[in-house]
Protein backbone atom coordinates (compact mmCIF):
# COMPACT_ATOMS: atom_id res chain seq x y z
CA MET A 1 134.97 123.81 113.14
CA PRO A 2 134.64 122.08 109.76
CA PHE A 3 133.74 124.18 106.72
CA VAL A 4 133.39 123.60 103.01
CA THR A 5 133.71 126.38 100.43
CA ALA A 6 130.89 126.83 97.92
CA LYS A 7 131.41 127.75 94.26
CA ASP A 8 131.03 131.47 95.00
CA GLY A 9 133.46 131.38 97.92
CA THR A 10 130.85 131.21 100.67
CA ARG A 11 132.07 129.17 103.64
CA LEU A 12 129.50 126.64 104.82
CA HIS A 13 129.70 125.11 108.26
CA TYR A 14 128.74 121.49 108.91
CA GLU A 15 128.93 118.88 111.66
CA ASP A 16 130.01 115.30 110.94
CA TRP A 17 129.01 112.85 113.67
CA GLY A 18 129.33 109.09 113.89
CA THR A 19 130.34 106.41 111.40
CA GLY A 20 128.45 104.18 109.00
CA ARG A 21 126.00 104.92 106.23
CA PRO A 22 125.71 108.70 105.79
CA VAL A 23 122.54 110.66 106.54
CA VAL A 24 122.49 114.32 105.48
CA LEU A 25 120.01 116.32 107.57
CA LEU A 26 118.75 119.49 105.85
CA CYS A 27 117.02 121.95 108.13
CA SER A 28 113.87 124.03 107.97
CA ALA A 29 113.91 127.45 106.28
CA THR A 30 115.27 129.86 108.89
CA MET A 31 116.66 127.25 111.26
CA ASN A 32 120.17 125.82 111.40
CA SER A 33 121.72 122.43 112.04
CA ARG A 34 121.09 122.70 115.78
CA MET A 35 117.41 121.94 115.10
CA TRP A 36 118.40 118.26 114.81
CA GLU A 37 119.11 118.11 118.57
CA PHE A 38 116.74 115.16 119.00
CA GLN A 39 117.55 113.28 115.79
CA ALA A 40 121.29 113.48 115.10
CA PRO A 41 122.58 112.10 118.43
CA TYR A 42 120.01 109.30 118.25
CA LEU A 43 120.95 108.29 114.69
CA ALA A 44 124.71 108.71 115.18
CA GLY A 45 124.50 106.59 118.31
CA ARG A 46 122.92 103.76 116.34
CA GLY A 47 125.42 103.20 113.58
CA LEU A 48 124.76 106.04 111.14
CA ARG A 49 126.99 108.94 110.13
CA CYS A 50 125.10 112.23 110.46
CA ILE A 51 126.09 115.23 108.35
CA LEU A 52 124.47 118.48 109.51
CA PRO A 53 125.06 121.55 107.33
CA ASP A 54 124.23 125.13 108.20
CA ARG A 55 122.56 126.72 105.18
CA ARG A 56 124.23 129.90 103.90
CA GLY A 57 122.99 132.92 105.81
CA PHE A 58 122.28 130.94 108.96
CA GLY A 59 124.00 129.35 111.92
CA ARG A 60 127.77 129.31 111.64
CA SER A 61 127.94 129.61 107.84
CA ASP A 62 128.83 132.82 106.01
CA ARG A 63 126.04 135.33 105.36
CA PRO A 64 126.42 136.58 101.80
CA TRP A 65 123.97 139.00 100.21
CA ASN A 66 122.91 136.61 97.44
CA GLY A 67 122.49 132.90 96.82
CA TYR A 68 119.20 132.02 98.51
CA ASP A 69 117.53 130.45 95.47
CA TYR A 70 117.14 126.69 95.19
CA ASP A 71 119.75 126.34 92.43
CA THR A 72 122.46 127.91 94.57
CA LEU A 73 121.39 126.01 97.68
CA ALA A 74 121.48 122.75 95.71
CA ASP A 75 124.96 123.61 94.46
CA ASP A 76 126.02 124.33 98.05
CA LEU A 77 124.84 120.86 98.98
CA ALA A 78 126.72 119.39 96.03
CA SER A 79 129.90 121.08 97.26
CA LEU A 80 129.45 119.42 100.64
CA MET A 81 128.60 116.01 99.18
CA GLY A 82 131.64 116.15 96.92
CA HIS A 83 133.96 117.41 99.64
CA LEU A 84 133.02 114.51 101.91
CA GLU A 85 132.92 112.00 99.02
CA LEU A 86 129.65 110.60 100.31
CA ARG A 87 128.15 107.44 98.84
CA ASP A 88 124.89 105.57 99.51
CA ALA A 89 123.61 108.59 101.43
CA THR A 90 120.13 109.29 102.72
CA LEU A 91 118.99 112.87 102.22
CA VAL A 92 116.54 114.06 104.88
CA GLY A 93 114.87 117.32 103.90
CA TYR A 94 112.79 119.06 106.54
CA ALA A 95 110.30 121.67 105.25
CA MET A 96 112.35 123.88 102.91
CA GLY A 97 115.13 121.32 103.20
CA GLY A 98 112.88 119.07 101.13
CA GLY A 99 112.99 121.57 98.30
CA GLU A 100 116.75 121.78 98.64
CA ALA A 101 117.01 118.00 98.39
CA VAL A 102 114.83 117.57 95.32
CA ARG A 103 116.54 120.45 93.48
CA TYR A 104 119.90 118.86 94.30
CA LEU A 105 118.73 115.58 92.77
CA ALA A 106 117.40 117.39 89.70
CA ARG A 107 120.67 119.31 89.15
CA HIS A 108 123.28 116.83 90.32
CA GLY A 109 121.69 113.39 90.03
CA SER A 110 121.54 110.56 92.52
CA ASP A 111 124.97 108.96 92.17
CA GLN A 112 125.79 109.77 95.79
CA VAL A 113 122.27 109.30 97.15
CA ALA A 114 120.36 106.08 97.78
CA ARG A 115 117.26 107.30 99.64
CA LEU A 116 115.24 110.45 100.20
CA ALA A 117 113.16 111.37 103.25
CA LEU A 118 110.84 114.39 103.08
CA VAL A 119 109.61 115.51 106.49
CA CYS A 120 106.99 118.29 106.64
CA SER A 121 108.32 119.20 103.20
CA THR A 122 107.09 122.35 101.46
CA THR A 123 107.31 120.63 98.06
CA PRO A 124 106.07 120.67 95.38
CA TYR A 125 104.68 124.25 95.02
CA LEU A 126 103.21 126.56 97.63
CA LEU A 127 102.12 129.65 95.74
CA ARG A 128 98.64 130.08 94.28
CA ALA A 129 98.60 130.01 90.47
CA GLN A 130 96.19 129.11 87.68
CA ASP A 131 97.38 125.53 87.78
CA ASN A 132 97.73 125.56 91.59
CA PRO A 133 94.49 127.21 92.72
CA ASP A 134 94.66 125.93 96.30
CA GLY A 135 98.07 127.47 96.91
CA VAL A 136 99.03 130.31 99.20
CA ASP A 137 97.80 133.79 98.26
CA PRO A 138 100.76 135.73 96.75
CA ALA A 139 99.92 138.62 99.08
CA VAL A 140 101.09 136.48 102.01
CA LEU A 141 104.69 136.78 100.83
CA GLU A 142 104.69 140.56 101.10
CA GLN A 143 102.86 140.41 104.43
CA VAL A 144 105.40 137.99 105.90
CA THR A 145 108.50 139.77 104.60
CA ALA A 146 107.14 143.14 105.76
CA ALA A 147 106.51 141.69 109.24
CA MET A 148 110.06 140.33 109.33
CA ALA A 149 111.53 143.67 108.31
CA ALA A 150 109.44 145.61 110.84
CA ASP A 151 110.00 143.40 113.91
CA ARG A 152 111.47 139.98 113.25
CA PRO A 153 111.58 138.85 116.92
CA ARG A 154 107.88 139.60 117.28
CA TYR A 155 107.02 137.84 114.02
CA VAL A 156 108.95 134.72 115.00
CA SER A 157 107.47 134.61 118.51
CA GLU A 158 103.94 134.83 117.08
CA ILE A 159 104.37 131.80 114.84
CA VAL A 160 105.78 129.52 117.55
CA ALA A 161 102.36 128.36 118.81
CA PRO A 162 101.00 127.21 115.41
CA PHE A 163 104.44 125.78 114.57
CA PHE A 164 104.05 123.30 117.41
CA GLY A 165 100.31 123.19 117.95
CA GLY A 166 98.56 123.48 114.60
CA PRO A 167 95.48 125.55 113.72
CA GLY A 168 94.07 127.68 116.50
CA ALA A 169 97.00 127.01 118.80
CA THR A 170 97.77 129.51 121.53
CA ALA A 171 101.00 130.21 123.36
CA ASP A 172 99.99 127.72 126.06
CA SER A 173 98.64 124.94 123.86
CA HIS A 174 101.74 123.45 122.26
CA THR A 175 103.42 120.48 123.87
CA VAL A 176 106.89 121.93 124.43
CA SER A 177 108.28 123.85 127.37
CA PRO A 178 108.61 127.64 127.18
CA GLN A 179 112.36 127.19 127.40
CA LEU A 180 112.44 124.83 124.42
CA ALA A 181 110.14 127.10 122.43
CA GLY A 182 112.51 129.98 123.23
CA TRP A 183 115.48 127.94 122.05
CA ILE A 184 113.76 127.27 118.72
CA THR A 185 112.84 130.95 118.41
CA GLY A 186 116.46 131.89 119.00
CA GLN A 187 117.56 129.63 116.17
CA ALA A 188 115.04 131.20 113.81
CA LEU A 189 116.55 134.59 114.59
CA ASP A 190 120.16 133.39 114.26
CA GLY A 191 120.48 134.39 110.62
CA SER A 192 120.63 137.59 108.66
CA LEU A 193 117.43 139.46 107.85
CA ARG A 194 118.37 139.39 104.18
CA ALA A 195 118.75 135.59 104.26
CA SER A 196 115.44 135.14 106.10
CA VAL A 197 113.53 137.32 103.63
CA GLU A 198 115.07 135.77 100.51
CA ILE A 199 114.72 132.21 101.80
CA THR A 200 111.04 132.91 102.45
CA ARG A 201 110.68 134.28 98.92
CA THR A 202 112.26 131.14 97.47
CA LEU A 203 110.15 128.89 99.67
CA LEU A 204 106.90 130.43 98.46
CA THR A 205 107.59 131.17 94.82
CA GLU A 206 109.77 128.43 93.33
CA ASP A 207 107.92 125.62 91.55
CA LEU A 208 109.43 122.19 92.26
CA ARG A 209 106.84 120.01 90.55
CA GLU A 210 109.16 118.91 87.75
CA ASP A 211 111.98 118.27 90.21
CA VAL A 212 109.74 116.03 92.31
CA ARG A 213 108.39 114.26 89.24
CA GLY A 214 111.93 113.19 88.36
CA ILE A 215 112.64 111.43 91.68
CA GLY A 216 113.43 107.77 91.18
CA LEU A 217 114.68 106.90 94.65
CA PRO A 218 112.98 105.15 97.54
CA THR A 219 111.23 108.03 99.28
CA LEU A 220 109.80 108.35 102.77
CA ILE A 221 107.25 111.16 103.16
CA VAL A 222 106.30 112.11 106.72
CA HIS A 223 103.82 114.87 107.51
CA GLY A 224 101.49 116.06 110.23
CA ASP A 225 97.80 116.54 109.49
CA ALA A 226 97.70 119.74 111.59
CA ASP A 227 100.56 121.45 109.75
CA VAL A 228 99.56 125.03 108.87
CA SER A 229 103.00 126.00 107.53
CA ALA A 230 103.01 123.22 104.92
CA PRO A 231 99.44 121.90 104.68
CA LEU A 232 99.19 118.15 104.25
CA GLU A 233 96.97 118.18 101.15
CA LEU A 234 98.88 120.97 99.39
CA CYS A 235 102.34 119.61 100.14
CA ALA A 236 102.76 115.97 101.16
CA ARG A 237 99.80 114.56 99.24
CA ARG A 238 100.75 116.34 96.04
CA THR A 239 104.39 115.45 96.43
CA ALA A 240 103.50 111.79 96.85
CA ALA A 241 101.22 111.89 93.79
CA LEU A 242 104.21 112.90 91.64
CA ILE A 243 106.47 110.07 92.84
CA PRO A 244 105.80 106.53 91.58
CA GLY A 245 104.55 104.54 94.54
CA GLY A 246 104.67 107.59 96.75
CA GLU A 247 102.85 107.30 100.07
CA VAL A 248 102.56 109.59 103.06
CA VAL A 249 103.06 108.57 106.67
CA VAL A 250 100.61 110.87 108.46
CA TYR A 251 101.14 111.88 112.06
CA GLU A 252 97.71 112.62 113.46
CA GLY A 253 97.48 115.88 115.36
CA ALA A 254 101.05 116.85 114.46
CA ALA A 255 101.86 120.38 113.34
CA HIS A 256 105.04 121.61 111.62
CA GLY A 257 107.41 121.07 114.54
CA LEU A 258 107.12 117.32 114.81
CA PHE A 259 110.93 117.00 115.00
CA VAL A 260 110.31 118.12 118.59
CA THR A 261 106.71 117.13 119.37
CA HIS A 262 106.97 113.64 117.83
CA ALA A 263 110.72 113.13 118.07
CA ASP A 264 110.65 109.51 119.25
CA ARG A 265 108.44 108.36 116.41
CA LEU A 266 110.33 110.35 113.79
CA ASN A 267 113.66 109.03 115.06
CA ALA A 268 112.48 105.45 114.72
CA GLU A 269 111.13 106.09 111.20
CA LEU A 270 114.38 107.68 110.04
CA LEU A 271 116.56 104.96 111.59
CA ALA A 272 114.54 102.20 109.93
CA PHE A 273 114.55 103.98 106.57
CA ALA A 274 118.18 105.09 106.47
CA GLY A 275 119.48 101.82 107.87
CA GLN A 276 117.78 99.52 105.39
C-alpha cells in the first residue's frame, strides 16, 4: 500500500487511481478515503487521476496522539502533494475536508492547485462567538465529545439518520439501505477515539474566515439545504460571501451525506468542474 511520511514521521496512507488531471479527494471528519466509493471510480474511469488520502488517525494511516489541528493537517496534505509532484490539481474538500483544503492554500499557496471544490464544507466558522452569533453553542462540543467517550458506537449510530435525511429524520427515513448506512457507520468508527475527539474539537473551534477570504481560485461550492451538520446559511452561504464571485449550488432536500444520496449529480458536477 502506498504511504507518504509527514513532517513528524506519521505515515499517511493514500490511493492513487487513474491517469490525467489530478483530483485530490479529502474526506469528512471521522471518515476515511473509502467514503469516496461512488465518486473516485467514476472520476478515474473518465480520464481523471484520483488521489485519496486517509487523514492521520483514521483508515490505514498512523494514529498518533497529536496533530489534529488544521495547520498539521494542511502540512500533511502538503507532504502528499509534494511527494506526488502534483500540478494543476483540483482539491475537493468534503465537510471538514473543506477546512483542510483552505488551510492548505493559506499555508502553502496554490502553485500545485488550479481549482477548489467545497462539498458540504464546514467552512468558514462553526462556533458561536460575538462576531458569529448564529454559530453552534460552545456547549455542544463538550456534549459531543462526552458522548463519544462514553459510547462512540451508539453516538455514531444515532447521527446516521440526520446525516442522510436532514432535520427530523428517523432511522427509516433516509434514502440508503441499512447495509450501506452500516458501512458508513463502520468507517466513522474506524479511527482512534483520540483522533475523533480532537478532530471534532478542531472542526468546531478553528476560525477559517481569513483562510477563505484569501482564496483566489475557481471554486465550486455544493451544499444541501437540509444539512444539519453544516447548515447551509452558516457554512456554504458565508463561505461563498467571502470568495469573489462565490456562488452555491444548492441541492434541495439534501442532507450532509449527499456523496451517497445524490451521488450521480455530485459525480457529474465534479467531473465537469475538474475536467475543465
